[in-house]
């Protein structure tokens, strides 16, 4: 972290991994938290709670499905069934559960 001073205004500069910057989906989870691509969500699907990653596939945001070949677009999920619990960069261990 470093500081830059310009025109008597001090700015704080942070180094960022560009691959860790996710696109905002335009949606919020059940707690009002904004949902970004590569966030990790706890999702209730058909009475079963699963932990899945938010992805952009087939021109739509959604979650990884219940098996590797499936993808569930947000239009098929109610936002009150989604709770963001982390992201793939800060909490990769959440994706290893199950």
N, C-alpha and C. Protein backbone atom coordinates (compact mmCIF):
# COMPACT_ATOMS: atom_id res chain seq x y z
N UNK A 1 0.85 -1.16 0.00
CA UNK A 1 0.00 0.00 0.00
C UNK A 1 0.90 1.23 0.00
N UNK A 2 0.53 2.21 -0.77
CA UNK A 2 1.30 3.45 -0.82
C UNK A 2 0.34 4.62 -0.90
N UNK A 3 0.88 5.80 -0.70
CA UNK A 3 0.08 7.01 -0.73
C UNK A 3 0.59 7.93 -1.83
N UNK A 4 -0.34 8.59 -2.50
CA UNK A 4 -0.02 9.56 -3.54
C UNK A 4 -0.69 10.87 -3.14
N UNK A 5 0.04 11.97 -3.23
CA UNK A 5 -0.54 13.27 -2.93
C UNK A 5 -0.57 14.08 -4.22
N UNK A 6 -1.74 14.58 -4.56
CA UNK A 6 -1.90 15.41 -5.77
C UNK A 6 -2.88 16.52 -5.45
N UNK A 7 -2.51 17.74 -5.75
CA UNK A 7 -3.39 18.89 -5.51
C UNK A 7 -3.92 18.93 -4.08
N UNK A 8 -3.03 18.63 -3.14
CA UNK A 8 -3.34 18.67 -1.71
C UNK A 8 -4.36 17.61 -1.27
N UNK A 9 -4.60 16.63 -2.13
CA UNK A 9 -5.48 15.51 -1.77
C UNK A 9 -4.63 14.26 -1.72
N UNK A 10 -4.75 13.52 -0.64
CA UNK A 10 -3.97 12.30 -0.49
C UNK A 10 -4.82 11.10 -0.90
N UNK A 11 -4.27 10.26 -1.78
CA UNK A 11 -4.96 9.07 -2.26
C UNK A 11 -4.24 7.83 -1.74
N UNK A 12 -5.00 6.82 -1.39
CA UNK A 12 -4.42 5.57 -0.97
C UNK A 12 -4.46 4.62 -2.16
N UNK A 13 -3.34 3.98 -2.47
CA UNK A 13 -3.24 3.11 -3.63
C UNK A 13 -3.08 1.67 -3.16
N UNK A 14 -3.88 0.76 -3.72
CA UNK A 14 -3.82 -0.65 -3.38
C UNK A 14 -3.49 -1.46 -4.62
N UNK A 15 -2.66 -2.47 -4.45
CA UNK A 15 -2.37 -3.37 -5.56
C UNK A 15 -3.52 -4.38 -5.64
N UNK A 16 -4.02 -4.62 -6.84
CA UNK A 16 -5.16 -5.52 -7.03
C UNK A 16 -4.83 -6.57 -8.07
N UNK A 17 -5.19 -7.80 -7.78
CA UNK A 17 -5.08 -8.86 -8.78
C UNK A 17 -6.25 -8.69 -9.74
N UNK A 18 -5.97 -8.40 -10.99
CA UNK A 18 -7.06 -8.14 -11.93
C UNK A 18 -8.00 -9.33 -12.08
N UNK A 19 -7.48 -10.54 -11.96
CA UNK A 19 -8.36 -11.71 -12.10
C UNK A 19 -9.31 -11.87 -10.92
N UNK A 20 -9.06 -11.14 -9.82
CA UNK A 20 -9.94 -11.26 -8.65
C UNK A 20 -11.08 -10.25 -8.67
N UNK A 21 -11.16 -9.41 -9.69
CA UNK A 21 -12.22 -8.41 -9.77
C UNK A 21 -13.40 -9.01 -10.51
N UNK A 22 -14.52 -9.18 -9.81
CA UNK A 22 -15.70 -9.80 -10.41
C UNK A 22 -16.71 -8.78 -10.89
N UNK A 23 -17.47 -9.17 -11.89
CA UNK A 23 -18.51 -8.33 -12.47
C UNK A 23 -19.75 -8.39 -11.58
N UNK A 24 -20.35 -7.22 -11.30
CA UNK A 24 -21.59 -7.16 -10.53
C UNK A 24 -22.73 -7.70 -11.39
N UNK A 25 -23.54 -8.58 -10.83
CA UNK A 25 -24.62 -9.22 -11.59
C UNK A 25 -25.87 -8.36 -11.70
N UNK A 26 -25.95 -7.33 -10.88
CA UNK A 26 -27.16 -6.50 -10.84
C UNK A 26 -28.19 -7.02 -9.87
N UNK A 27 -27.86 -8.08 -9.16
CA UNK A 27 -28.80 -8.70 -8.22
C UNK A 27 -28.25 -8.65 -6.80
N UNK A 28 -29.14 -8.83 -5.83
CA UNK A 28 -28.76 -8.88 -4.43
C UNK A 28 -29.26 -10.17 -3.81
N UNK A 29 -28.53 -10.64 -2.79
CA UNK A 29 -28.94 -11.87 -2.12
C UNK A 29 -30.05 -11.58 -1.11
N UNK A 30 -30.43 -12.58 -0.34
CA UNK A 30 -31.55 -12.44 0.60
C UNK A 30 -31.27 -11.43 1.71
N UNK A 31 -29.99 -11.08 1.93
CA UNK A 31 -29.62 -10.10 2.95
C UNK A 31 -29.35 -8.71 2.37
N UNK A 32 -29.60 -8.54 1.07
CA UNK A 32 -29.38 -7.26 0.42
C UNK A 32 -27.94 -7.04 -0.02
N UNK A 33 -27.10 -8.08 0.08
CA UNK A 33 -25.69 -7.96 -0.34
C UNK A 33 -25.60 -8.15 -1.85
N UNK A 34 -24.82 -7.27 -2.51
CA UNK A 34 -24.68 -7.35 -3.97
C UNK A 34 -23.96 -8.65 -4.37
N UNK A 35 -24.44 -9.27 -5.44
CA UNK A 35 -23.89 -10.54 -5.93
C UNK A 35 -22.95 -10.26 -7.10
N UNK A 36 -21.71 -10.75 -6.99
CA UNK A 36 -20.71 -10.60 -8.04
C UNK A 36 -20.34 -11.95 -8.62
N UNK A 37 -19.88 -11.94 -9.87
CA UNK A 37 -19.33 -13.14 -10.48
C UNK A 37 -18.18 -13.62 -9.61
N UNK A 38 -18.07 -14.92 -9.42
CA UNK A 38 -17.06 -15.61 -8.62
C UNK A 38 -17.30 -15.49 -7.12
N UNK A 39 -18.46 -14.95 -6.71
CA UNK A 39 -18.86 -15.05 -5.31
C UNK A 39 -19.23 -16.49 -5.03
N UNK A 40 -19.20 -16.84 -3.76
CA UNK A 40 -19.63 -18.18 -3.34
C UNK A 40 -20.94 -18.00 -2.59
N UNK A 41 -21.95 -18.75 -2.99
CA UNK A 41 -23.28 -18.60 -2.43
C UNK A 41 -23.77 -19.89 -1.79
N UNK A 42 -24.52 -19.72 -0.72
CA UNK A 42 -25.27 -20.82 -0.12
C UNK A 42 -26.64 -20.72 -0.75
N UNK A 43 -27.07 -21.78 -1.44
CA UNK A 43 -28.32 -21.74 -2.20
C UNK A 43 -29.22 -22.88 -1.78
N UNK A 44 -30.51 -22.58 -1.62
CA UNK A 44 -31.49 -23.60 -1.30
C UNK A 44 -32.18 -23.99 -2.60
N UNK A 45 -31.90 -25.21 -3.07
CA UNK A 45 -32.48 -25.72 -4.31
C UNK A 45 -33.27 -26.98 -4.00
N UNK A 46 -34.57 -26.92 -4.25
CA UNK A 46 -35.45 -28.07 -4.03
C UNK A 46 -35.31 -28.64 -2.62
N UNK A 47 -35.22 -27.77 -1.63
CA UNK A 47 -35.14 -28.21 -0.24
C UNK A 47 -33.76 -28.64 0.21
N UNK A 48 -32.77 -28.58 -0.68
CA UNK A 48 -31.40 -28.96 -0.33
C UNK A 48 -30.52 -27.71 -0.37
N UNK A 49 -29.72 -27.49 0.68
CA UNK A 49 -28.82 -26.35 0.72
C UNK A 49 -27.45 -26.78 0.20
N UNK A 50 -26.96 -26.04 -0.78
CA UNK A 50 -25.66 -26.34 -1.38
C UNK A 50 -24.80 -25.07 -1.43
N UNK A 51 -23.50 -25.23 -1.53
CA UNK A 51 -22.55 -24.13 -1.68
C UNK A 51 -22.07 -24.17 -3.13
N UNK A 52 -22.27 -23.07 -3.87
CA UNK A 52 -21.90 -23.02 -5.28
C UNK A 52 -21.31 -21.67 -5.63
N UNK A 53 -20.57 -21.63 -6.74
CA UNK A 53 -19.95 -20.41 -7.23
C UNK A 53 -20.85 -19.71 -8.25
N UNK A 54 -20.88 -18.38 -8.19
CA UNK A 54 -21.62 -17.58 -9.16
C UNK A 54 -20.78 -17.51 -10.44
N UNK A 55 -21.40 -17.81 -11.57
CA UNK A 55 -20.68 -17.84 -12.86
C UNK A 55 -21.47 -17.07 -13.92
N UNK A 56 -20.78 -16.75 -15.01
CA UNK A 56 -21.43 -16.19 -16.19
C UNK A 56 -21.22 -17.20 -17.31
N UNK A 57 -22.29 -17.84 -17.73
CA UNK A 57 -22.23 -18.84 -18.80
C UNK A 57 -23.49 -18.72 -19.65
N UNK A 58 -23.35 -19.04 -20.92
CA UNK A 58 -24.48 -19.05 -21.85
C UNK A 58 -25.21 -17.71 -21.87
N UNK A 59 -24.47 -16.61 -21.67
CA UNK A 59 -25.07 -15.27 -21.71
C UNK A 59 -25.89 -14.91 -20.50
N UNK A 60 -25.69 -15.62 -19.38
CA UNK A 60 -26.49 -15.38 -18.19
C UNK A 60 -25.67 -15.63 -16.93
N UNK A 61 -26.00 -14.91 -15.86
CA UNK A 61 -25.41 -15.21 -14.56
C UNK A 61 -26.22 -16.30 -13.90
N UNK A 62 -25.54 -17.15 -13.15
CA UNK A 62 -26.21 -18.22 -12.44
C UNK A 62 -25.24 -18.92 -11.53
N UNK A 63 -25.58 -20.13 -11.12
CA UNK A 63 -24.72 -20.91 -10.24
C UNK A 63 -24.36 -22.23 -10.90
N UNK A 64 -23.21 -22.76 -10.47
CA UNK A 64 -22.87 -24.12 -10.87
C UNK A 64 -23.98 -25.02 -10.39
N UNK A 65 -24.32 -26.00 -11.18
CA UNK A 65 -25.44 -26.88 -10.83
C UNK A 65 -25.08 -27.94 -9.82
N UNK A 66 -25.98 -28.87 -9.64
CA UNK A 66 -25.79 -29.93 -8.66
C UNK A 66 -24.84 -31.01 -9.15
N UNK A 67 -24.54 -31.02 -10.43
CA UNK A 67 -23.51 -31.92 -10.95
C UNK A 67 -22.68 -31.14 -11.95
N UNK A 68 -21.46 -31.59 -12.28
CA UNK A 68 -20.52 -30.79 -13.06
C UNK A 68 -21.02 -30.26 -14.40
N UNK A 69 -21.92 -30.94 -15.06
CA UNK A 69 -22.35 -30.52 -16.40
C UNK A 69 -23.54 -29.56 -16.39
N UNK A 70 -24.02 -29.19 -15.21
CA UNK A 70 -25.22 -28.34 -15.18
C UNK A 70 -24.90 -26.92 -14.74
N UNK A 71 -25.76 -26.01 -15.16
CA UNK A 71 -25.67 -24.59 -14.83
C UNK A 71 -27.09 -24.10 -14.63
N UNK A 72 -27.34 -23.40 -13.53
CA UNK A 72 -28.69 -22.93 -13.23
C UNK A 72 -28.71 -21.41 -13.32
N UNK A 73 -29.36 -20.83 -14.35
CA UNK A 73 -29.42 -19.37 -14.47
C UNK A 73 -30.24 -18.75 -13.34
N UNK A 74 -29.92 -17.49 -12.99
CA UNK A 74 -30.64 -16.81 -11.92
C UNK A 74 -32.13 -16.72 -12.18
N UNK A 75 -32.55 -16.69 -13.44
CA UNK A 75 -33.99 -16.56 -13.71
C UNK A 75 -34.75 -17.77 -13.17
N UNK A 76 -34.04 -18.87 -12.86
CA UNK A 76 -34.69 -20.06 -12.31
C UNK A 76 -34.54 -20.18 -10.79
N UNK A 77 -33.98 -19.14 -10.15
CA UNK A 77 -33.74 -19.16 -8.71
C UNK A 77 -34.29 -17.87 -8.10
N UNK A 78 -35.02 -17.99 -7.01
CA UNK A 78 -35.49 -16.80 -6.30
C UNK A 78 -34.33 -16.23 -5.49
N UNK A 79 -34.17 -14.89 -5.52
CA UNK A 79 -33.04 -14.28 -4.82
C UNK A 79 -33.10 -14.49 -3.31
N UNK A 80 -34.29 -14.75 -2.76
CA UNK A 80 -34.36 -15.00 -1.32
C UNK A 80 -33.88 -16.40 -0.96
N UNK A 81 -33.45 -17.17 -1.95
CA UNK A 81 -32.87 -18.50 -1.73
C UNK A 81 -31.34 -18.46 -1.79
N UNK A 82 -30.77 -17.27 -2.08
CA UNK A 82 -29.33 -17.12 -2.26
C UNK A 82 -28.75 -16.29 -1.12
N UNK A 83 -27.66 -16.79 -0.52
CA UNK A 83 -26.93 -16.03 0.50
C UNK A 83 -25.44 -16.08 0.16
N UNK A 84 -24.82 -14.92 -0.04
CA UNK A 84 -23.40 -14.86 -0.35
C UNK A 84 -22.61 -15.13 0.93
N UNK A 85 -21.68 -16.09 0.86
CA UNK A 85 -20.88 -16.46 2.04
C UNK A 85 -19.39 -16.20 1.84
N UNK A 86 -19.00 -15.75 0.66
CA UNK A 86 -17.59 -15.48 0.40
C UNK A 86 -17.34 -15.33 -1.09
N UNK A 87 -16.07 -15.47 -1.48
CA UNK A 87 -15.72 -15.46 -2.90
C UNK A 87 -14.55 -16.42 -3.13
N UNK A 88 -14.33 -16.76 -4.39
CA UNK A 88 -13.34 -17.80 -4.71
C UNK A 88 -11.92 -17.38 -4.38
N UNK A 89 -11.65 -16.07 -4.24
CA UNK A 89 -10.28 -15.59 -3.98
C UNK A 89 -9.96 -15.54 -2.50
N UNK A 90 -10.91 -15.12 -1.68
CA UNK A 90 -10.67 -15.01 -0.25
C UNK A 90 -11.08 -16.26 0.52
N UNK A 91 -11.98 -17.06 -0.04
CA UNK A 91 -12.52 -18.23 0.67
C UNK A 91 -12.55 -19.47 -0.21
N UNK A 92 -11.44 -19.86 -0.85
CA UNK A 92 -11.48 -21.03 -1.75
C UNK A 92 -11.85 -22.32 -1.04
N UNK A 93 -11.62 -22.38 0.27
CA UNK A 93 -11.95 -23.59 1.03
C UNK A 93 -13.44 -23.87 1.04
N UNK A 94 -14.28 -22.86 0.83
CA UNK A 94 -15.72 -23.06 0.80
C UNK A 94 -16.15 -23.92 -0.39
N UNK A 95 -15.40 -23.85 -1.48
CA UNK A 95 -15.73 -24.65 -2.66
C UNK A 95 -15.33 -26.10 -2.51
N UNK A 96 -14.50 -26.41 -1.53
CA UNK A 96 -14.04 -27.78 -1.33
C UNK A 96 -14.99 -28.57 -0.43
N UNK A 97 -15.98 -27.90 0.16
CA UNK A 97 -16.95 -28.56 1.04
C UNK A 97 -17.90 -29.38 0.21
N UNK A 98 -18.36 -30.48 0.75
CA UNK A 98 -19.36 -31.40 0.20
C UNK A 98 -18.74 -32.66 -0.26
